Amino acid sequence: MRFGLFGKDKRDAAEADAAAQVKRQVRELLALPENAVIAVNEILCADPACPGTETVILVMKPGEKTRAFKVQMGLAELTPQALAQALSGQVA
């Protein structure tokens, strides 16, 4: 997210909406309780070996180790199918 003198722009709002949608999908796919916290961030990797932009999803449940999932695409390109594939093996 970018912060400036005049607040958030339309792109930031679109990213926030996309992140909220991904959080809802993750909660549903993993059958997470309401007290589980989900963080969704788009990361631009500067390492030449990286694919560029990726989406990182952290799932934090009280009393459990944080789980991290990475999807090799930006938040705007993330499809429900790609998300389900990234979470595969973790679906309840």
PDB file of N, CA and C in Angstrom:
ATOM      1  N   MET A   1       0.831  -1.183   0.000  1.00  0.00           N
ATOM      2  CA  MET A   1       0.000   0.000   0.000  1.00  0.00           C
ATOM      3  C   MET A   1       0.866   1.234   0.000  1.00  0.00           C
ATOM      4  N   ARG A   2       0.365   2.256  -0.606  1.00  0.00           N
ATOM      5  CA  ARG A   2       1.074   3.525  -0.647  1.00  0.00           C
ATOM      6  C   ARG A   2       0.327   4.542   0.203  1.00  0.00           C
ATOM      7  N   PHE A   3       1.100   5.344   0.903  1.00  0.00           N
ATOM      8  CA  PHE A   3       0.505   6.407   1.704  1.00  0.00           C
ATOM      9  C   PHE A   3       1.045   7.729   1.198  1.00  0.00           C
ATOM     10  N   GLY A   4       0.194   8.704   1.093  1.00  0.00           N
ATOM     11  CA  GLY A   4       0.618  10.013   0.620  1.00  0.00           C
ATOM     12  C   GLY A   4      -0.052  11.099   1.433  1.00  0.00           C
ATOM     13  N   LEU A   5       0.163  12.307   1.004  1.00  0.00           N
ATOM     14  CA  LEU A   5      -0.413  13.449   1.704  1.00  0.00           C
ATOM     15  C   LEU A   5      -1.929  13.461   1.660  1.00  0.00           C
ATOM     16  N   PHE A   6      -2.497  12.905   0.623  1.00  0.00           N
ATOM     17  CA  PHE A   6      -3.939  13.014   0.429  1.00  0.00           C
ATOM     18  C   PHE A   6      -4.674  11.694   0.626  1.00  0.00           C
ATOM     19  N   GLY A   7      -4.070  10.753   1.314  1.00  0.00           N
ATOM     20  CA  GLY A   7      -4.751   9.504   1.621  1.00  0.00           C
ATOM     21  C   GLY A   7      -4.566   8.447   0.546  1.00  0.00           C
ATOM     22  N   LYS A   8      -5.436   7.480   0.570  1.00  0.00           N
ATOM     23  CA  LYS A   8      -5.349   6.339  -0.338  1.00  0.00           C
ATOM     24  C   LYS A   8      -5.949   6.688  -1.690  1.00  0.00           C
ATOM     25  N   ASP A   9      -5.391   6.087  -2.730  1.00  0.00           N
ATOM     26  CA  ASP A   9      -5.958   6.293  -4.057  1.00  0.00           C
ATOM     27  C   ASP A   9      -6.857   5.117  -4.432  1.00  0.00           C
ATOM     28  N   LYS A  10      -7.446   5.166  -5.623  1.00  0.00           N
ATOM     29  CA  LYS A  10      -8.379   4.119  -6.058  1.00  0.00           C
ATOM     30  C   LYS A  10      -7.701   2.764  -6.155  1.00  0.00           C
ATOM     31  N   ARG A  11      -6.429   2.749  -6.542  1.00  0.00           N
ATOM     32  CA  ARG A  11      -5.710   1.482  -6.644  1.00  0.00           C
ATOM     33  C   ARG A  11      -5.581   0.837  -5.274  1.00  0.00           C
ATOM     34  N   ASP A  12      -5.293   1.634  -4.253  1.00  0.00           N
ATOM     35  CA  ASP A  12      -5.198   1.104  -2.890  1.00  0.00           C
ATOM     36  C   ASP A  12      -6.532   0.504  -2.455  1.00  0.00           C
ATOM     37  N   ALA A  13      -7.628   1.180  -2.791  1.00  0.00           N
ATOM     38  CA  ALA A  13      -8.959   0.674  -2.431  1.00  0.00           C
ATOM     39  C   ALA A  13      -9.230  -0.648  -3.138  1.00  0.00           C
ATOM     40  N   ALA A  14      -8.843  -0.756  -4.395  1.00  0.00           N
ATOM     41  CA  ALA A  14      -9.033  -2.002  -5.145  1.00  0.00           C
ATOM     42  C   ALA A  14      -8.200  -3.126  -4.528  1.00  0.00           C
ATOM     43  N   GLU A  15      -6.972  -2.823  -4.116  1.00  0.00           N
ATOM     44  CA  GLU A  15      -6.111  -3.823  -3.476  1.00  0.00           C
ATOM     45  C   GLU A  15      -6.704  -4.275  -2.147  1.00  0.00           C
ATOM     46  N   ALA A  16      -7.252  -3.341  -1.392  1.00  0.00           N
ATOM     47  CA  ALA A  16      -7.873  -3.688  -0.109  1.00  0.00           C
ATOM     48  C   ALA A  16      -9.086  -4.579  -0.325  1.00  0.00           C
ATOM     49  N   ASP A  17      -9.883  -4.274  -1.341  1.00  0.00           N
ATOM     50  CA  ASP A  17     -11.049  -5.108  -1.661  1.00  0.00           C
ATOM     51  C   ASP A  17     -10.612  -6.505  -2.079  1.00  0.00           C
ATOM     52  N   ALA A  18      -9.565  -6.589  -2.921  1.00  0.00           N
ATOM     53  CA  ALA A  18      -9.064  -7.892  -3.373  1.00  0.00           C
ATOM     54  C   ALA A  18      -8.519  -8.695  -2.196  1.00  0.00           C
ATOM     55  N   ALA A  19      -7.792  -8.038  -1.298  1.00  0.00           N
ATOM     56  CA  ALA A  19      -7.253  -8.731  -0.127  1.00  0.00           C
ATOM     57  C   ALA A  19      -8.372  -9.239   0.770  1.00  0.00           C
ATOM     58  N   ALA A  20      -9.413  -8.436   0.950  1.00  0.00           N
ATOM     59  CA  ALA A  20     -10.553  -8.858   1.777  1.00  0.00           C
ATOM     60  C   ALA A  20     -11.248 -10.070   1.164  1.00  0.00           C
ATOM     61  N   GLN A  21     -11.361 -10.083  -0.146  1.00  0.00           N
ATOM     62  CA  GLN A  21     -11.983 -11.216  -0.824  1.00  0.00           C
ATOM     63  C   GLN A  21     -11.136 -12.477  -0.656  1.00  0.00           C
ATOM     64  N   VAL A  22      -9.825 -12.341  -0.790  1.00  0.00           N
ATOM     65  CA  VAL A  22      -8.930 -13.487  -0.607  1.00  0.00           C
ATOM     66  C   VAL A  22      -9.036 -14.003   0.830  1.00  0.00           C
ATOM     67  N   LYS A  23      -9.106 -13.105   1.798  1.00  0.00           N
ATOM     68  CA  LYS A  23      -9.243 -13.526   3.196  1.00  0.00           C
ATOM     69  C   LYS A  23     -10.513 -14.343   3.399  1.00  0.00           C
ATOM     70  N   ARG A  24     -11.616 -13.896   2.800  1.00  0.00           N
ATOM     71  CA  ARG A  24     -12.875 -14.653   2.915  1.00  0.00           C
ATOM     72  C   ARG A  24     -12.727 -16.042   2.294  1.00  0.00           C
ATOM     73  N   GLN A  25     -12.075 -16.116   1.134  1.00  0.00           N
ATOM     74  CA  GLN A  25     -11.894 -17.399   0.458  1.00  0.00           C
ATOM     75  C   GLN A  25     -10.998 -18.332   1.270  1.00  0.00           C
ATOM     76  N   VAL A  26      -9.920 -17.790   1.839  1.00  0.00           N
ATOM     77  CA  VAL A  26      -9.021 -18.600   2.655  1.00  0.00           C
ATOM     78  C   VAL A  26      -9.766 -19.143   3.875  1.00  0.00           C
ATOM     79  N   ARG A  27     -10.542 -18.288   4.540  1.00  0.00           N
ATOM     80  CA  ARG A  27     -11.306 -18.713   5.714  1.00  0.00           C
ATOM     81  C   ARG A  27     -12.241 -19.865   5.347  1.00  0.00           C
ATOM     82  N   GLU A  28     -12.893 -19.739   4.191  1.00  0.00           N
ATOM     83  CA  GLU A  28     -13.820 -20.775   3.753  1.00  0.00           C
ATOM     84  C   GLU A  28     -13.086 -22.057   3.350  1.00  0.00           C
ATOM     85  N   LEU A  29     -12.034 -21.939   2.539  1.00  0.00           N
ATOM     86  CA  LEU A  29     -11.312 -23.119   2.060  1.00  0.00           C
ATOM     87  C   LEU A  29     -10.658 -23.914   3.189  1.00  0.00           C
ATOM     88  N   LEU A  30     -10.159 -23.206   4.198  1.00  0.00           N
ATOM     89  CA  LEU A  30      -9.496 -23.884   5.315  1.00  0.00           C
ATOM     90  C   LEU A  30     -10.411 -24.102   6.504  1.00  0.00           C
ATOM     91  N   ALA A  31     -11.683 -23.728   6.368  1.00  0.00           N
ATOM     92  CA  ALA A  31     -12.672 -23.864   7.450  1.00  0.00           C
ATOM     93  C   ALA A  31     -12.125 -23.287   8.756  1.00  0.00           C
ATOM     94  N   LEU A  32     -11.643 -22.053   8.680  1.00  0.00           N
ATOM     95  CA  LEU A  32     -11.027 -21.409   9.837  1.00  0.00           C
ATOM     96  C   LEU A  32     -12.071 -20.805  10.763  1.00  0.00           C
ATOM     97  N   PRO A  33     -11.804 -20.854  12.054  1.00  0.00           N
ATOM     98  CA  PRO A  33     -12.716 -20.218  13.016  1.00  0.00           C
ATOM     99  C   PRO A  33     -12.585 -18.696  12.935  1.00  0.00           C
ATOM    100  N   GLU A  34     -13.531 -17.999  13.510  1.00  0.00           N
ATOM    101  CA  GLU A  34     -13.541 -16.535  13.471  1.00  0.00           C
ATOM    102  C   GLU A  34     -12.342 -15.919  14.185  1.00  0.00           C
ATOM    103  N   ASN A  35     -11.773 -16.621  15.167  1.00  0.00           N
ATOM    104  CA  ASN A  35     -10.645 -16.048  15.894  1.00  0.00           C
ATOM    105  C   ASN A  35      -9.309 -16.221  15.169  1.00  0.00           C
ATOM    106  N   ALA A  36      -9.310 -16.894  14.024  1.00  0.00           N
ATOM    107  CA  ALA A  36      -8.098 -17.007  13.216  1.00  0.00           C
ATOM    108  C   ALA A  36      -7.889 -15.693  12.472  1.00  0.00           C
ATOM    109  N   VAL A  37      -6.643 -15.261  12.414  1.00  0.00           N
ATOM    110  CA  VAL A  37      -6.295 -14.025  11.724  1.00  0.00           C
ATOM    111  C   VAL A  37      -5.621 -14.384  10.406  1.00  0.00           C
ATOM    112  N   ILE A  38      -6.041 -13.709   9.344  1.00  0.00           N
ATOM    113  CA  ILE A  38      -5.488 -13.946   8.014  1.00  0.00           C
ATOM    114  C   ILE A  38      -4.894 -12.636   7.510  1.00  0.00           C
ATOM    115  N   ALA A  39      -3.635 -12.678   7.081  1.00  0.00           N
ATOM    116  CA  ALA A  39      -2.979 -11.511   6.504  1.00  0.00           C
ATOM    117  C   ALA A  39      -2.670 -11.815   5.043  1.00  0.00           C
ATOM    118  N   VAL A  40      -2.988 -10.880   4.168  1.00  0.00           N
ATOM    119  CA  VAL A  40      -2.737 -11.037   2.738  1.00  0.00           C
ATOM    120  C   VAL A  40      -1.928  -9.833   2.271  1.00  0.00           C
ATOM    121  N   ASN A  41      -0.764 -10.097   1.689  1.00  0.00           N
ATOM    122  CA  ASN A  41       0.109  -9.022   1.217  1.00  0.00           C
ATOM    123  C   ASN A  41       0.687  -9.353  -0.147  1.00  0.00           C
ATOM    124  N   GLU A  42       0.769  -8.348  -0.984  1.00  0.00           N
ATOM    125  CA  GLU A  42       1.429  -8.479  -2.274  1.00  0.00           C
ATOM    126  C   GLU A  42       2.860  -7.988  -2.089  1.00  0.00           C
ATOM    127  N   ILE A  43       3.819  -8.809  -2.508  1.00  0.00           N
ATOM    128  CA  ILE A  43       5.234  -8.513  -2.314  1.00  0.00           C
ATOM    129  C   ILE A  43       5.917  -8.438  -3.673  1.00  0.00           C
ATOM    130  N   LEU A  44       6.743  -7.435  -3.853  1.00  0.00           N
ATOM    131  CA  LEU A  44       7.561  -7.324  -5.057  1.00  0.00           C
ATOM    132  C   LEU A  44       8.966  -7.756  -4.681  1.00  0.00           C
ATOM    133  N   CYS A  45       9.379  -8.882  -5.210  1.00  0.00           N
ATOM    134  CA  CYS A  45      10.685  -9.441  -4.873  1.00  0.00           C
ATOM    135  C   CYS A  45      11.745  -8.819  -5.779  1.00  0.00           C
ATOM    136  N   ALA A  46      12.803  -8.271  -5.199  1.00  0.00           N
ATOM    137  CA  ALA A  46      13.874  -7.632  -5.960  1.00  0.00           C
ATOM    138  C   ALA A  46      14.937  -8.631  -6.418  1.00  0.00           C
ATOM    139  N   ASP A  47      14.895  -9.845  -5.900  1.00  0.00           N
ATOM    140  CA  ASP A  47      15.862 -10.880  -6.270  1.00  0.00           C
ATOM    141  C   ASP A  47      15.585 -11.333  -7.700  1.00  0.00           C
ATOM    142  N   PRO A  48      16.601 -11.362  -8.570  1.00  0.00           N
ATOM    143  CA  PRO A  48      16.393 -11.788  -9.960  1.00  0.00           C
ATOM    144  C   PRO A  48      15.849 -13.216 -10.093  1.00  0.00           C
ATOM    145  N   ALA A  49      16.044 -14.042  -9.069  1.00  0.00           N
ATOM    146  CA  ALA A  49      15.545 -15.421  -9.109  1.00  0.00           C
ATOM    147  C   ALA A  49      14.050 -15.491  -8.811  1.00  0.00           C
ATOM    148  N   CYS A  50      13.483 -14.417  -8.288  1.00  0.00           N
ATOM    149  CA  CYS A  50      12.053 -14.384  -7.957  1.00  0.00           C
ATOM    150  C   CYS A  50      11.224 -14.135  -9.211  1.00  0.00           C
ATOM    151  N   PRO A  51       9.958 -14.544  -9.158  1.00  0.00           N
ATOM    152  CA  PRO A  51       9.086 -14.338 -10.312  1.00  0.00           C
ATOM    153  C   PRO A  51       8.597 -12.898 -10.450  1.00  0.00           C
ATOM    154  N   GLY A  52       8.964 -12.030  -9.533  1.00  0.00           N
ATOM    155  CA  GLY A  52       8.484 -10.650  -9.561  1.00  0.00           C
ATOM    156  C   GLY A  52       7.518 -10.431  -8.418  1.00  0.00           C
ATOM    157  N   THR A  53       6.246 -10.268  -8.747  1.00  0.00           N
ATOM    158  CA  THR A  53       5.228 -10.032  -7.732  1.00  0.00           C
ATOM    159  C   THR A  53       4.637 -11.354  -7.271  1.00  0.00           C
ATOM    160  N   GLU A  54       4.473 -11.492  -5.970  1.00  0.00           N
ATOM    161  CA  GLU A  54       3.819 -12.668  -5.424  1.00  0.00           C
ATOM    162  C   GLU A  54       2.886 -12.246  -4.297  1.00  0.00           C
ATOM    163  N   THR A  55       1.918 -13.098  -4.016  1.00  0.00           N
ATOM    164  CA  THR A  55       0.984 -12.851  -2.934  1.00  0.00           C
ATOM    165  C   THR A  55       1.330 -13.791  -1.786  1.00  0.00           C
ATOM    166  N   VAL A  56       1.497 -13.230  -0.604  1.00  0.00           N
ATOM    167  CA  VAL A  56       1.838 -14.007   0.586  1.00  0.00           C
ATOM    168  C   VAL A  56       0.642 -13.981   1.526  1.00  0.00           C
ATOM    169  N   ILE A  57       0.239 -15.167   1.973  1.00  0.00           N
ATOM    170  CA  ILE A  57      -0.913 -15.305   2.867  1.00  0.00           C
ATOM    171  C   ILE A  57      -0.429 -15.946   4.164  1.00  0.00           C
ATOM    172  N   LEU A  58      -0.694 -15.276   5.276  1.00  0.00           N
ATOM    173  CA  LEU A  58      -0.360 -15.820   6.591  1.00  0.00           C
ATOM    174  C   LEU A  58      -1.645 -16.182   7.315  1.00  0.00           C
ATOM    175  N   VAL A  59      -1.671 -17.366   7.914  1.00  0.00           N
ATOM    176  CA  VAL A  59      -2.824 -17.822   8.688  1.00  0.00           C
ATOM    177  C   VAL A  59      -2.353 -18.026  10.118  1.00  0.00           C
ATOM    178  N   MET A  60      -2.955 -17.251  11.030  1.00  0.00           N
ATOM    179  CA  MET A  60      -2.554 -17.284  12.440  1.00  0.00           C
ATOM    180  C   MET A  60      -3.741 -17.702  13.300  1.00  0.00           C
ATOM    181  N   LYS A  61      -3.598 -18.886  13.907  1.00  0.00           N
ATOM    182  CA  LYS A  61      -4.627 -19.393  14.814  1.00  0.00           C
ATOM    183  C   LYS A  61      -4.048 -19.391  16.220  1.00  0.00           C
ATOM    184  N   PRO A  62      -4.845 -18.953  17.208  1.00  0.00           N
ATOM    185  CA  PRO A  62      -4.351 -18.921  18.589  1.00  0.00           C
ATOM    186  C   PRO A  62      -3.812 -20.290  19.021  1.00  0.00           C
ATOM    187  N   GLY A  63      -2.615 -20.259  19.598  1.00  0.00           N
ATOM    188  CA  GLY A  63      -2.014 -21.485  20.109  1.00  0.00           C
ATOM    189  C   GLY A  63      -1.351 -22.357  19.063  1.00  0.00           C
ATOM    190  N   GLU A  64      -1.329 -21.912  17.802  1.00  0.00           N
ATOM    191  CA  GLU A  64      -0.715 -22.704  16.740  1.00  0.00           C
ATOM    192  C   GLU A  64       0.351 -21.888  16.023  1.00  0.00           C
ATOM    193  N   LYS A  65       1.260 -22.589  15.371  1.00  0.00           N
ATOM    194  CA  LYS A  65       2.306 -21.938  14.598  1.00  0.00           C
ATOM    195  C   LYS A  65       1.679 -21.271  13.367  1.00  0.00           C
ATOM    196  N   THR A  66       2.164 -20.098  13.025  1.00  0.00           N
ATOM    197  CA  THR A  66       1.674 -19.383  11.840  1.00  0.00           C
ATOM    198  C   THR A  66       2.020 -20.169  10.586  1.00  0.00           C
ATOM    199  N   ARG A  67       1.045 -20.277   9.689  1.00  0.00           N
ATOM    200  CA  ARG A  67       1.268 -20.948   8.406  1.00  0.00           C
ATOM    201  C   ARG A  67       1.362 -19.884   7.318  1.00  0.00           C
ATOM    202  N   ALA A  68       2.321 -20.059   6.416  1.00  0.00           N
ATOM    203  CA  ALA A  68       2.513 -19.115   5.314  1.00  0.00           C
ATOM    204  C   ALA A  68       2.323 -19.832   3.985  1.00  0.00           C
ATOM    205  N   PHE A  69       1.623 -19.153   3.082  1.00  0.00           N
ATOM    206  CA  PHE A  69       1.385 -19.667   1.733  1.00  0.00           C
ATOM    207  C   PHE A  69       1.810 -18.590   0.741  1.00  0.00           C
ATOM    208  N   LYS A  70       2.438 -18.997  -0.357  1.00  0.00           N
ATOM    209  CA  LYS A  70       2.850 -18.046  -1.389  1.00  0.00           C
ATOM    210  C   LYS A  70       2.226 -18.444  -2.716  1.00  0.00           C
ATOM    211  N   VAL A  71       1.778 -17.422  -3.435  1.00  0.00           N
ATOM    212  CA  VAL A  71       1.232 -17.630  -4.771  1.00  0.00           C
ATOM    213  C   VAL A  71       2.057 -16.766  -5.709  1.00  0.00           C
ATOM    214  N   GLN A  72       2.598 -17.376  -6.749  1.00  0.00           N
ATOM    215  CA  GLN A  72       3.509 -16.683  -7.648  1.00  0.00           C
ATOM    216  C   GLN A  72       2.782 -15.783  -8.641  1.00  0.00           C
ATOM    217  N   MET A  73       1.931 -14.906  -8.147  1.00  0.00           N
ATOM    218  CA  MET A  73       1.230 -13.917  -8.970  1.00  0.00           C
ATOM    219  C   MET A  73       0.749 -12.798  -8.067  1.00  0.00           C
ATOM    220  N   GLY A  74       0.483 -11.666  -8.677  1.00  0.00           N
ATOM    221  CA  GLY A  74      -0.003 -10.528  -7.924  1.00  0.00           C
ATOM    222  C   GLY A  74      -1.424 -10.726  -7.441  1.00  0.00           C
ATOM    223  N   LEU A  75      -1.823  -9.924  -6.512  1.00  0.00           N
ATOM    224  CA  LEU A  75      -3.149 -10.005  -5.911  1.00  0.00           C
ATOM    225  C   LEU A  75      -4.251  -9.835  -6.949  1.00  0.00           C
ATOM    226  N   ALA A  76      -4.073  -8.927  -7.886  1.00  0.00           N
ATOM    227  CA  ALA A  76      -5.090  -8.668  -8.912  1.00  0.00           C
ATOM    228  C   ALA A  76      -5.277  -9.854  -9.853  1.00  0.00           C
ATOM    229  N   GLU A  77      -4.237 -10.642 -10.041  1.00  0.00           N
ATOM    230  CA  GLU A  77      -4.312 -11.798 -10.950  1.00  0.00           C
ATOM    231  C   GLU A  77      -4.718 -13.087 -10.257  1.00  0.00           C
ATOM    232  N   LEU A  78      -4.771 -13.084  -8.937  1.00  0.00           N
ATOM    233  CA  LEU A  78      -5.036 -14.300  -8.162  1.00  0.00           C
ATOM    234  C   LEU A  78      -6.454 -14.800  -8.397  1.00  0.00           C
ATOM    235  N   THR A  79      -6.558 -16.015  -8.912  1.00  0.00           N
ATOM    236  CA  THR A  79      -7.865 -16.622  -9.186  1.00  0.00           C
ATOM    237  C   THR A  79      -8.236 -17.560  -8.036  1.00  0.00           C
ATOM    238  N   PRO A  80      -9.522 -17.867  -7.897  1.00  0.00           N
ATOM    239  CA  PRO A  80      -9.920 -18.840  -6.871  1.00  0.00           C
ATOM    240  C   PRO A  80      -9.219 -20.189  -7.056  1.00  0.00           C
ATOM    241  N   GLN A  81      -9.002 -20.594  -8.301  1.00  0.00           N
ATOM    242  CA  GLN A  81      -8.329 -21.864  -8.572  1.00  0.00           C
ATOM    243  C   GLN A  81      -6.875 -21.832  -8.122  1.00  0.00           C
ATOM    244  N   ALA A  82      -6.166 -20.731  -8.394  1.00  0.00           N
ATOM    245  CA  ALA A  82      -4.775 -20.611  -7.986  1.00  0.00           C
ATOM    246  C   ALA A  82      -4.671 -20.585  -6.456  1.00  0.00           C
ATOM    247  N   LEU A  83      -5.622 -19.902  -5.818  1.00  0.00           N
ATOM    248  CA  LEU A  83      -5.637 -19.861  -4.356  1.00  0.00           C
ATOM    249  C   LEU A  83      -5.862 -21.250  -3.785  1.00  0.00           C
ATOM    250  N   ALA A  84      -6.847 -21.974  -4.308  1.00  0.00           N
ATOM    251  CA  ALA A  84      -7.121 -23.329  -3.826  1.00  0.00           C
ATOM    252  C   ALA A  84      -5.917 -24.225  -4.015  1.00  0.00           C
ATOM    253  N   GLN A  85      -5.205 -24.071  -5.137  1.00  0.00           N
ATOM    254  CA  GLN A  85      -4.015 -24.876  -5.394  1.00  0.00           C
ATOM    255  C   GLN A  85      -2.913 -24.534  -4.381  1.00  0.00           C
ATOM    256  N   ALA A  86      -2.739 -23.251  -4.068  1.00  0.00           N
ATOM    257  CA  ALA A  86      -1.722 -22.842  -3.106  1.00  0.00           C
ATOM    258  C   ALA A  86      -2.027 -23.406  -1.712  1.00  0.00           C
ATOM    259  N   LEU A  87      -3.303 -23.518  -1.397  1.00  0.00           N
ATOM    260  CA  LEU A  87      -3.698 -24.019  -0.081  1.00  0.00           C
ATOM    261  C   LEU A  87      -3.858 -25.537  -0.052  1.00  0.00           C
ATOM    262  N   SER A  88      -3.699 -26.195  -1.193  1.00  0.00           N
ATOM    263  CA  SER A  88      -3.935 -27.640  -1.280  1.00  0.00           C
ATOM    264  C   SER A  88      -3.079 -28.396  -0.273  1.00  0.00           C
ATOM    265  N   GLY A  89      -3.642 -29.412   0.237  1.00  0.00           N
ATOM    266  CA  GLY A  89      -2.973 -30.156   1.289  1.00  0.00           C
ATOM    267  C   GLY A  89      -3.290 -29.590   2.652  1.00  0.00           C
ATOM    268  N   GLN A  90      -3.838 -28.377   2.682  1.00  0.00           N
ATOM    269  CA  GLN A  90      -4.198 -27.727   3.923  1.00  0.00           C
ATOM    270  C   GLN A  90      -5.719 -27.618   4.086  1.00  0.00           C
ATOM    271  N   VAL A  91      -6.456 -27.957   3.038  1.00  0.00           N
ATOM    272  CA  VAL A  91      -7.914 -27.818   3.070  1.00  0.00           C
ATOM    273  C   VAL A  91      -8.489 -28.860   4.014  1.00  0.00           C
ATOM    274  N   ALA A  92      -9.356 -28.410   4.900  1.00  0.00           N
ATOM    275  CA  ALA A  92      -9.958 -29.312   5.904  1.00  0.00           C
ATOM    276  C   ALA A  92     -11.013 -30.196   5.288  1.00  0.00           C
TER     277      ALA A  92
END
